[in-house]
Amino acid sequence: MQIDVATIGVGLTAAGAALGAGIGNGLVINAMIEGTAQNPEIEGKLRSNMFIGVGLVEAVPIIAIAIAFMLLNK
């Protein structure tokens, strides 16, 4: 079995996407927790903004992996 450059590229893209998503989600959730600790009255608004932020952070790695697999099957 031969591993070509495209397969390695897809693996590196998947690893980078997972790492970036984990760091991004951690930063977004950390900011929400700090904001709630400082001002508990606006927890609901912070939570809704957190879910929007997490969704945006997750969108980029999903698109990156989809493009990587498209290039692999080309």
Protein backbone atom coordinates (compact mmCIF):
# COMPACT_ATOMS: atom_id res chain seq x y z
CA MET A 1 0.00 0.00 0.00
CA GLN A 2 1.37 3.34 -1.05
CA ILE A 3 0.63 6.59 0.78
CA ASP A 4 0.70 9.63 -1.46
CA VAL A 5 1.11 13.29 -0.67
CA ALA A 6 -2.63 14.00 -0.88
CA THR A 7 -3.38 11.51 1.90
CA ILE A 8 -0.79 13.11 4.16
CA GLY A 9 -2.22 16.53 3.34
CA VAL A 10 -5.73 15.43 4.28
CA GLY A 11 -4.44 14.01 7.56
CA LEU A 12 -2.60 17.22 8.40
CA THR A 13 -5.65 19.28 7.47
CA ALA A 14 -7.89 17.17 9.71
CA ALA A 15 -5.43 17.43 12.60
CA GLY A 16 -5.08 21.20 12.19
CA ALA A 17 -8.84 21.65 11.93
CA ALA A 18 -9.44 19.63 15.09
CA LEU A 19 -6.74 21.51 16.99
CA GLY A 20 -7.99 24.90 15.83
CA ALA A 21 -11.60 24.07 16.68
CA GLY A 22 -10.62 22.88 20.14
CA ILE A 23 -8.63 26.02 20.88
CA GLY A 24 -11.34 28.27 19.46
CA ASN A 25 -14.12 26.59 21.43
CA GLY A 26 -12.06 26.78 24.59
CA LEU A 27 -11.51 30.52 24.15
CA VAL A 28 -15.19 31.20 23.43
CA ILE A 29 -16.42 29.19 26.41
CA ASN A 30 -13.75 30.68 28.67
CA ALA A 31 -14.92 34.19 27.76
CA MET A 32 -18.52 33.21 28.51
CA ILE A 33 -17.61 31.81 31.92
CA GLU A 34 -15.56 34.91 32.80
CA GLY A 35 -18.37 37.20 31.66
CA THR A 36 -20.91 35.28 33.71
CA ALA A 37 -18.66 35.40 36.77
CA GLN A 38 -18.31 39.18 36.44
CA ASN A 39 -21.94 39.93 35.60
CA PRO A 40 -24.37 37.07 36.39
CA GLU A 41 -27.43 39.08 35.32
CA ILE A 42 -26.62 38.78 31.62
CA GLU A 43 -25.94 35.04 31.60
CA GLY A 44 -28.75 34.35 29.10
CA LYS A 45 -27.44 36.85 26.56
CA LEU A 46 -23.88 35.60 27.01
CA ARG A 47 -25.02 32.01 26.54
CA SER A 48 -26.81 32.77 23.28
CA ASN A 49 -23.76 34.67 22.01
CA MET A 50 -21.57 31.75 23.07
CA PHE A 51 -23.62 29.29 21.00
CA ILE A 52 -23.37 31.56 17.97
CA GLY A 53 -19.60 31.84 18.48
CA VAL A 54 -19.16 28.09 18.89
CA GLY A 55 -21.18 27.52 15.71
CA LEU A 56 -18.98 29.92 13.78
CA VAL A 57 -15.81 28.37 15.19
CA GLU A 58 -17.01 24.88 14.19
CA ALA A 59 -17.97 25.93 10.66
CA VAL A 60 -14.42 26.63 9.50
CA PRO A 61 -12.93 23.18 10.33
CA ILE A 62 -15.92 21.43 8.75
CA ILE A 63 -15.40 23.40 5.54
CA ALA A 64 -11.64 22.69 5.65
CA ILE A 65 -12.16 18.94 6.00
CA ALA A 66 -14.78 18.94 3.23
CA ILE A 67 -12.39 20.72 0.87
CA ALA A 68 -9.56 18.37 1.84
CA PHE A 69 -11.66 15.30 1.01
CA MET A 70 -12.78 16.88 -2.25
CA LEU A 71 -9.13 17.39 -3.21
CA LEU A 72 -8.29 13.83 -2.15
CA ASN A 73 -10.93 12.35 -4.43
CA LYS A 74 -9.97 14.55 -7.39
